PDB file of N, CA and C in Angstrom:
ATOM      1  N   MET A   1      91.036 117.104  71.644  1.00  0.00           N
ATOM      2  CA  MET A   1      90.734 116.690  73.001  1.00  0.00           C
ATOM      3  C   MET A   1      91.151 117.801  73.956  1.00  0.00           C
ATOM      4  N   ALA A   2      90.290 118.126  74.912  1.00  0.00           N
ATOM      5  CA  ALA A   2      90.574 119.192  75.874  1.00  0.00           C
ATOM      6  C   ALA A   2      91.625 118.740  76.876  1.00  0.00           C
ATOM      7  N   ALA A   3      92.394 119.702  77.344  1.00  0.00           N
ATOM      8  CA  ALA A   3      93.407 119.402  78.352  1.00  0.00           C
ATOM      9  C   ALA A   3      92.720 119.013  79.654  1.00  0.00           C
ATOM     10  N   MET A   4      93.281 118.030  80.312  1.00  0.00           N
ATOM     11  CA  MET A   4      92.706 117.573  81.567  1.00  0.00           C
ATOM     12  C   MET A   4      93.240 118.435  82.706  1.00  0.00           C
ATOM     13  N   PRO A   5      92.359 118.903  83.594  1.00  0.00           N
ATOM     14  CA  PRO A   5      92.820 119.705  84.721  1.00  0.00           C
ATOM     15  C   PRO A   5      93.753 118.897  85.611  1.00  0.00           C
ATOM     16  N   CYS A   6      94.742 119.561  86.155  1.00  0.00           N
ATOM     17  CA  CYS A   6      95.686 118.896  87.039  1.00  0.00           C
ATOM     18  C   CYS A   6      95.452 119.397  88.456  1.00  0.00           C
ATOM     19  N   THR A   7      95.401 118.464  89.386  1.00  0.00           N
ATOM     20  CA  THR A   7      95.302 118.786  90.797  1.00  0.00           C
ATOM     21  C   THR A   7      96.256 117.846  91.527  1.00  0.00           C
ATOM     22  N   PHE A   8      96.187 117.789  92.819  1.00  0.00           N
ATOM     23  CA  PHE A   8      97.117 116.960  93.590  1.00  0.00           C
ATOM     24  C   PHE A   8      96.342 116.120  94.591  1.00  0.00           C
ATOM     25  N   ASP A   9      96.843 114.899  94.848  1.00  0.00           N
ATOM     26  CA  ASP A   9      96.203 114.074  95.864  1.00  0.00           C
ATOM     27  C   ASP A   9      96.726 114.476  97.239  1.00  0.00           C
ATOM     28  N   ARG A  10      96.309 113.761  98.267  1.00  0.00           N
ATOM     29  CA  ARG A  10      96.697 114.121  99.638  1.00  0.00           C
ATOM     30  C   ARG A  10      98.193 114.013  99.866  1.00  0.00           C
ATOM     31  N   ALA A  11      98.881 113.199  99.086  1.00  0.00           N
ATOM     32  CA  ALA A  11     100.328 113.043  99.231  1.00  0.00           C
ATOM     33  C   ALA A  11     101.098 114.060  98.400  1.00  0.00           C
ATOM     34  N   GLY A  12     100.384 114.910  97.663  1.00  0.00           N
ATOM     35  CA  GLY A  12     101.035 115.921  96.833  1.00  0.00           C
ATOM     36  C   GLY A  12     101.401 115.441  95.441  1.00  0.00           C
ATOM     37  N   THR A  13     100.935 114.250  95.072  1.00  0.00           N
ATOM     38  CA  THR A  13     101.201 113.700  93.748  1.00  0.00           C
ATOM     39  C   THR A  13     100.246 114.329  92.738  1.00  0.00           C
ATOM     40  N   PRO A  14     100.752 114.766  91.585  1.00  0.00           N
ATOM     41  CA  PRO A  14      99.860 115.350  90.568  1.00  0.00           C
ATOM     42  C   PRO A  14      98.817 114.334  90.098  1.00  0.00           C
ATOM     43  N   VAL A  15      97.592 114.804  89.934  1.00  0.00           N
ATOM     44  CA  VAL A  15      96.480 113.972  89.495  1.00  0.00           C
ATOM     45  C   VAL A  15      95.762 114.701  88.371  1.00  0.00           C
ATOM     46  N   ARG A  16      95.455 113.989  87.306  1.00  0.00           N
ATOM     47  CA  ARG A  16      94.704 114.579  86.200  1.00  0.00           C
ATOM     48  C   ARG A  16      93.256 114.124  86.293  1.00  0.00           C
ATOM     49  N   LEU A  17      92.351 115.089  86.281  1.00  0.00           N
ATOM     50  CA  LEU A  17      90.927 114.799  86.328  1.00  0.00           C
ATOM     51  C   LEU A  17      90.297 115.124  84.987  1.00  0.00           C
ATOM     52  N   THR A  18      89.348 114.290  84.574  1.00  0.00           N
ATOM     53  CA  THR A  18      88.603 114.586  83.358  1.00  0.00           C
ATOM     54  C   THR A  18      87.639 115.732  83.677  1.00  0.00           C
ATOM     55  N   PRO A  19      87.159 116.429  82.669  1.00  0.00           N
ATOM     56  CA  PRO A  19      86.185 117.494  82.927  1.00  0.00           C
ATOM     57  C   PRO A  19      84.946 116.996  83.681  1.00  0.00           C
ATOM     58  N   THR A  20      84.478 115.786  83.364  1.00  0.00           N
ATOM     59  CA  THR A  20      83.304 115.253  84.056  1.00  0.00           C
ATOM     60  C   THR A  20      83.634 114.908  85.503  1.00  0.00           C
ATOM     61  N   GLN A  21      84.807 114.362  85.752  1.00  0.00           N
ATOM     62  CA  GLN A  21      85.210 114.081  87.128  1.00  0.00           C
ATOM     63  C   GLN A  21      85.262 115.373  87.940  1.00  0.00           C
ATOM     64  N   LEU A  22      85.737 116.431  87.340  1.00  0.00           N
ATOM     65  CA  LEU A  22      85.788 117.717  88.017  1.00  0.00           C
ATOM     66  C   LEU A  22      84.370 118.207  88.338  1.00  0.00           C
ATOM     67  N   LYS A  23      83.438 118.031  87.412  1.00  0.00           N
ATOM     68  CA  LYS A  23      82.043 118.440  87.645  1.00  0.00           C
ATOM     69  C   LYS A  23      81.416 117.606  88.760  1.00  0.00           C
ATOM     70  N   VAL A  24      81.700 116.312  88.771  1.00  0.00           N
ATOM     71  CA  VAL A  24      81.190 115.438  89.828  1.00  0.00           C
ATOM     72  C   VAL A  24      81.780 115.872  91.176  1.00  0.00           C
ATOM     73  N   MET A  25      83.055 116.180  91.185  1.00  0.00           N
ATOM     74  CA  MET A  25      83.712 116.624  92.412  1.00  0.00           C
ATOM     75  C   MET A  25      83.083 117.914  92.925  1.00  0.00           C
ATOM     76  N   ARG A  26      82.764 118.815  92.023  1.00  0.00           N
ATOM     77  CA  ARG A  26      82.090 120.063  92.416  1.00  0.00           C
ATOM     78  C   ARG A  26      80.731 119.765  93.042  1.00  0.00           C
ATOM     79  N   GLY A  27      79.998 118.825  92.443  1.00  0.00           N
ATOM     80  CA  GLY A  27      78.694 118.450  92.979  1.00  0.00           C
ATOM     81  C   GLY A  27      78.797 117.870  94.379  1.00  0.00           C
ATOM     82  N   VAL A  28      79.769 117.001  94.584  1.00  0.00           N
ATOM     83  CA  VAL A  28      79.998 116.411  95.910  1.00  0.00           C
ATOM     84  C   VAL A  28      80.355 117.513  96.905  1.00  0.00           C
ATOM     85  N   HIS A  29      81.213 118.415  96.486  1.00  0.00           N
ATOM     86  CA  HIS A  29      81.625 119.520  97.350  1.00  0.00           C
ATOM     87  C   HIS A  29      80.437 120.401  97.716  1.00  0.00           C
ATOM     88  N   SER A  30      79.467 120.505  96.813  1.00  0.00           N
ATOM     89  CA  SER A  30      78.263 121.301  97.063  1.00  0.00           C
ATOM     90  C   SER A  30      77.238 120.554  97.915  1.00  0.00           C
ATOM     91  N   GLY A  31      77.498 119.282  98.205  1.00  0.00           N
ATOM     92  CA  GLY A  31      76.591 118.499  99.036  1.00  0.00           C
ATOM     93  C   GLY A  31      75.494 117.797  98.279  1.00  0.00           C
ATOM     94  N   GLN A  32      75.624 117.709  96.968  1.00  0.00           N
ATOM     95  CA  GLN A  32      74.595 117.053  96.162  1.00  0.00           C
ATOM     96  C   GLN A  32      74.701 115.539  96.256  1.00  0.00           C
ATOM     97  N   LEU A  33      73.565 114.881  96.124  1.00  0.00           N
ATOM     98  CA  LEU A  33      73.507 113.428  96.039  1.00  0.00           C
ATOM     99  C   LEU A  33      73.898 112.998  94.622  1.00  0.00           C
ATOM    100  N   ASN A  34      74.286 111.722  94.473  1.00  0.00           N
ATOM    101  CA  ASN A  34      74.633 111.212  93.142  1.00  0.00           C
ATOM    102  C   ASN A  34      73.489 111.424  92.158  1.00  0.00           C
ATOM    103  N   LYS A  35      72.255 111.210  92.615  1.00  0.00           N
ATOM    104  CA  LYS A  35      71.087 111.371  91.759  1.00  0.00           C
ATOM    105  C   LYS A  35      70.976 112.818  91.268  1.00  0.00           C
ATOM    106  N   GLN A  36      71.238 113.777  92.136  1.00  0.00           N
ATOM    107  CA  GLN A  36      71.169 115.189  91.770  1.00  0.00           C
ATOM    108  C   GLN A  36      72.283 115.558  90.784  1.00  0.00           C
ATOM    109  N   ILE A  37      73.475 115.037  91.030  1.00  0.00           N
ATOM    110  CA  ILE A  37      74.604 115.299  90.132  1.00  0.00           C
ATOM    111  C   ILE A  37      74.302 114.721  88.754  1.00  0.00           C
ATOM    112  N   ALA A  38      73.776 113.502  88.732  1.00  0.00           N
ATOM    113  CA  ALA A  38      73.439 112.841  87.467  1.00  0.00           C
ATOM    114  C   ALA A  38      72.418 113.659  86.687  1.00  0.00           C
ATOM    115  N   PHE A  39      71.375 114.124  87.363  1.00  0.00           N
ATOM    116  CA  PHE A  39      70.339 114.919  86.699  1.00  0.00           C
ATOM    117  C   PHE A  39      70.930 116.197  86.126  1.00  0.00           C
ATOM    118  N   GLU A  40      71.753 116.873  86.935  1.00  0.00           N
ATOM    119  CA  GLU A  40      72.354 118.138  86.507  1.00  0.00           C
ATOM    120  C   GLU A  40      73.280 117.968  85.299  1.00  0.00           C
ATOM    121  N   LEU A  41      74.011 116.846  85.276  1.00  0.00           N
ATOM    122  CA  LEU A  41      74.968 116.614  84.192  1.00  0.00           C
ATOM    123  C   LEU A  41      74.354 115.865  83.008  1.00  0.00           C
ATOM    124  N   GLY A  42      73.121 115.370  83.180  1.00  0.00           N
ATOM    125  CA  GLY A  42      72.470 114.629  82.100  1.00  0.00           C
ATOM    126  C   GLY A  42      73.092 113.272  81.848  1.00  0.00           C
ATOM    127  N   ILE A  43      73.546 112.631  82.937  1.00  0.00           N
ATOM    128  CA  ILE A  43      74.148 111.298  82.826  1.00  0.00           C
ATOM    129  C   ILE A  43      73.444 110.373  83.806  1.00  0.00           C
ATOM    130  N   ALA A  44      73.698 109.082  83.687  1.00  0.00           N
ATOM    131  CA  ALA A  44      73.086 108.094  84.577  1.00  0.00           C
ATOM    132  C   ALA A  44      73.730 108.140  85.962  1.00  0.00           C
ATOM    133  N   GLU A  45      72.950 107.798  86.970  1.00  0.00           N
ATOM    134  CA  GLU A  45      73.479 107.756  88.332  1.00  0.00           C
ATOM    135  C   GLU A  45      74.634 106.762  88.441  1.00  0.00           C
ATOM    136  N   ALA A  46      74.540 105.664  87.711  1.00  0.00           N
ATOM    137  CA  ALA A  46      75.626 104.669  87.714  1.00  0.00           C
ATOM    138  C   ALA A  46      76.923 105.275  87.173  1.00  0.00           C
ATOM    139  N   THR A  47      76.804 106.184  86.219  1.00  0.00           N
ATOM    140  CA  THR A  47      77.986 106.857  85.665  1.00  0.00           C
ATOM    141  C   THR A  47      78.609 107.771  86.710  1.00  0.00           C
ATOM    142  N   VAL A  48      77.782 108.452  87.488  1.00  0.00           N
ATOM    143  CA  VAL A  48      78.292 109.290  88.574  1.00  0.00           C
ATOM    144  C   VAL A  48      79.047 108.416  89.573  1.00  0.00           C
ATOM    145  N   LYS A  49      78.483 107.250  89.895  1.00  0.00           N
ATOM    146  CA  LYS A  49      79.147 106.331  90.828  1.00  0.00           C
ATOM    147  C   LYS A  49      80.503 105.896  90.284  1.00  0.00           C
ATOM    148  N   ALA A  50      80.570 105.634  88.982  1.00  0.00           N
ATOM    149  CA  ALA A  50      81.849 105.241  88.361  1.00  0.00           C
ATOM    150  C   ALA A  50      82.864 106.377  88.455  1.00  0.00           C
ATOM    151  N   HIS A  51      82.400 107.612  88.229  1.00  0.00           N
ATOM    152  CA  HIS A  51      83.300 108.757  88.359  1.00  0.00           C
ATOM    153  C   HIS A  51      83.758 108.935  89.802  1.00  0.00           C
ATOM    154  N   MET A  52      82.860 108.689  90.757  1.00  0.00           N
ATOM    155  CA  MET A  52      83.236 108.796  92.171  1.00  0.00           C
ATOM    156  C   MET A  52      84.310 107.772  92.525  1.00  0.00           C
ATOM    157  N   THR A  53      84.155 106.559  92.029  1.00  0.00           N
ATOM    158  CA  THR A  53      85.158 105.519  92.277  1.00  0.00           C
ATOM    159  C   THR A  53      86.509 105.938  91.716  1.00  0.00           C
ATOM    160  N   ALA A  54      86.499 106.468  90.496  1.00  0.00           N
ATOM    161  CA  ALA A  54      87.745 106.925  89.868  1.00  0.00           C
ATOM    162  C   ALA A  54      88.349 108.090  90.649  1.00  0.00           C
ATOM    163  N   LEU A  55      87.510 109.022  91.088  1.00  0.00           N
ATOM    164  CA  LEU A  55      87.998 110.162  91.877  1.00  0.00           C
ATOM    165  C   LEU A  55      88.649 109.692  93.169  1.00  0.00           C
ATOM    166  N   MET A  56      87.994 108.771  93.863  1.00  0.00           N
ATOM    167  CA  MET A  56      88.551 108.279  95.129  1.00  0.00           C
ATOM    168  C   MET A  56      89.898 107.603  94.911  1.00  0.00           C
ATOM    169  N   ARG A  57      90.006 106.855  93.840  1.00  0.00           N
ATOM    170  CA  ARG A  57      91.298 106.211  93.537  1.00  0.00           C
ATOM    171  C   ARG A  57      92.363 107.253  93.219  1.00  0.00           C
ATOM    172  N   LYS A  58      92.014 108.194  92.338  1.00  0.00           N
ATOM    173  CA  LYS A  58      92.978 109.205  91.915  1.00  0.00           C
ATOM    174  C   LYS A  58      93.428 110.096  93.066  1.00  0.00           C
ATOM    175  N   LEU A  59      92.494 110.441  93.947  1.00  0.00           N
ATOM    176  CA  LEU A  59      92.810 111.337  95.058  1.00  0.00           C
ATOM    177  C   LEU A  59      93.332 110.596  96.279  1.00  0.00           C
ATOM    178  N   ASN A  60      93.339 109.267  96.195  1.00  0.00           N
ATOM    179  CA  ASN A  60      93.815 108.425  97.286  1.00  0.00           C
ATOM    180  C   ASN A  60      93.013 108.675  98.564  1.00  0.00           C
ATOM    181  N   VAL A  61      91.681 108.687  98.413  1.00  0.00           N
ATOM    182  CA  VAL A  61      90.791 108.835  99.558  1.00  0.00           C
ATOM    183  C   VAL A  61      89.826 107.660  99.580  1.00  0.00           C
ATOM    184  N   ARG A  62      89.102 107.494 100.698  1.00  0.00           N
ATOM    185  CA  ARG A  62      88.292 106.292 100.867  1.00  0.00           C
ATOM    186  C   ARG A  62      86.794 106.510 100.808  1.00  0.00           C
ATOM    187  N   ASN A  63      86.342 107.767 100.894  1.00  0.00           N
ATOM    188  CA  ASN A  63      84.894 107.969 100.885  1.00  0.00           C
ATOM    189  C   ASN A  63      84.533 109.329 100.312  1.00  0.00           C
ATOM    190  N   ARG A  64      83.237 109.530 100.141  1.00  0.00           N
ATOM    191  CA  ARG A  64      82.681 110.732  99.536  1.00  0.00           C
ATOM    192  C   ARG A  64      83.011 111.987 100.338  1.00  0.00           C
ATOM    193  N   THR A  65      82.999 111.873 101.657  1.00  0.00           N
ATOM    194  CA  THR A  65      83.322 113.018 102.508  1.00  0.00           C
ATOM    195  C   THR A  65      84.750 113.470 102.260  1.00  0.00           C
ATOM    196  N   GLN A  66      85.654 112.521 102.117  1.00  0.00           N
ATOM    197  CA  GLN A  66      87.050 112.870 101.855  1.00  0.00           C
ATOM    198  C   GLN A  66      87.221 113.500 100.477  1.00  0.00           C
ATOM    199  N   VAL A  67      86.388 113.115  99.508  1.00  0.00           N
ATOM    200  CA  VAL A  67      86.417 113.763  98.194  1.00  0.00           C
ATOM    201  C   VAL A  67      86.023 115.228  98.352  1.00  0.00           C
ATOM    202  N   ALA A  68      84.962 115.481  99.130  1.00  0.00           N
ATOM    203  CA  ALA A  68      84.511 116.861  99.360  1.00  0.00           C
ATOM    204  C   ALA A  68      85.577 117.674 100.086  1.00  0.00           C
ATOM    205  N   ILE A  69      86.214 117.065 101.073  1.00  0.00           N
ATOM    206  CA  ILE A  69      87.278 117.752 101.809  1.00  0.00           C
ATOM    207  C   ILE A  69      88.449 118.034 100.878  1.00  0.00           C
ATOM    208  N   ALA A  70      88.794 117.071 100.027  1.00  0.00           N
ATOM    209  CA  ALA A  70      89.883 117.266  99.065  1.00  0.00           C
ATOM    210  C   ALA A  70      89.554 118.402  98.110  1.00  0.00           C
ATOM    211  N   ALA A  71      88.302 118.477  97.674  1.00  0.00           N
ATOM    212  CA  ALA A  71      87.882 119.556  96.767  1.00  0.00           C
ATOM    213  C   ALA A  71      88.083 120.909  97.437  1.00  0.00           C
ATOM    214  N   GLN A  72      87.704 120.993  98.703  1.00  0.00           N
ATOM    215  CA  GLN A  72      87.859 122.259  99.421  1.00  0.00           C
ATOM    216  C   GLN A  72      89.336 122.571  99.645  1.00  0.00           C
ATOM    217  N   ALA A  73      90.093 121.582 100.047  1.00  0.00           N
ATOM    218  CA  ALA A  73      91.530 121.787 100.298  1.00  0.00           C
ATOM    219  C   ALA A  73      92.271 122.155  99.023  1.00  0.00           C
ATOM    220  N   LEU A  74      91.798 121.639  97.888  1.00  0.00           N
ATOM    221  CA  LEU A  74      92.440 121.913  96.613  1.00  0.00           C
ATOM    222  C   LEU A  74      91.890 123.164  95.964  1.00  0.00           C
ATOM    223  N   ALA A  75      90.949 123.812  96.647  1.00  0.00           N
ATOM    224  CA  ALA A  75      90.325 125.061  96.138  1.00  0.00           C
ATOM    225  C   ALA A  75      89.700 124.831  94.769  1.00  0.00           C
ATOM    226  N   ILE A  76      88.964 123.733  94.622  1.00  0.00           N
ATOM    227  CA  ILE A  76      88.249 123.451  93.376  1.00  0.00           C
ATOM    228  C   ILE A  76      87.132 124.495  93.253  1.00  0.00           C
ATOM    229  N   PRO A  77      87.148 125.283  92.181  1.00  0.00           N
ATOM    230  CA  PRO A  77      86.086 126.292  92.035  1.00  0.00           C
ATOM    231  C   PRO A  77      84.723 125.640  91.852  1.00  0.00           C
ATOM    232  N   LEU A  78      83.702 126.231  92.450  1.00  0.00           N
ATOM    233  CA  LEU A  78      82.361 125.673  92.369  1.00  0.00           C
ATOM    234  C   LEU A  78      81.639 126.031  91.087  1.00  0.00           C
ATOM    235  N   SER A  79      82.175 126.942  90.300  1.00  0.00           N
ATOM    236  CA  SER A  79      81.479 127.322  89.065  1.00  0.00           C
ATOM    237  C   SER A  79      82.230 126.865  87.848  1.00  0.00           C
TER     238      SER A  79
END
């Protein structure tokens, strides 16, 4: 099993993201819609929504915009 990337939420608490959650976060940061992220990753749009819900919980944010802001603040690489 691959090591899960570690980042921090807004309160500075360590958060572990799965590789797919990290890819979804990159897509959100790039301004992609869930449908576009799903197509790019070869997964269902509902799966992207589930990852977004998990990301929002883990990062302690309330919406997609805050996920994108968190990605930028955390310097999540786009590639």
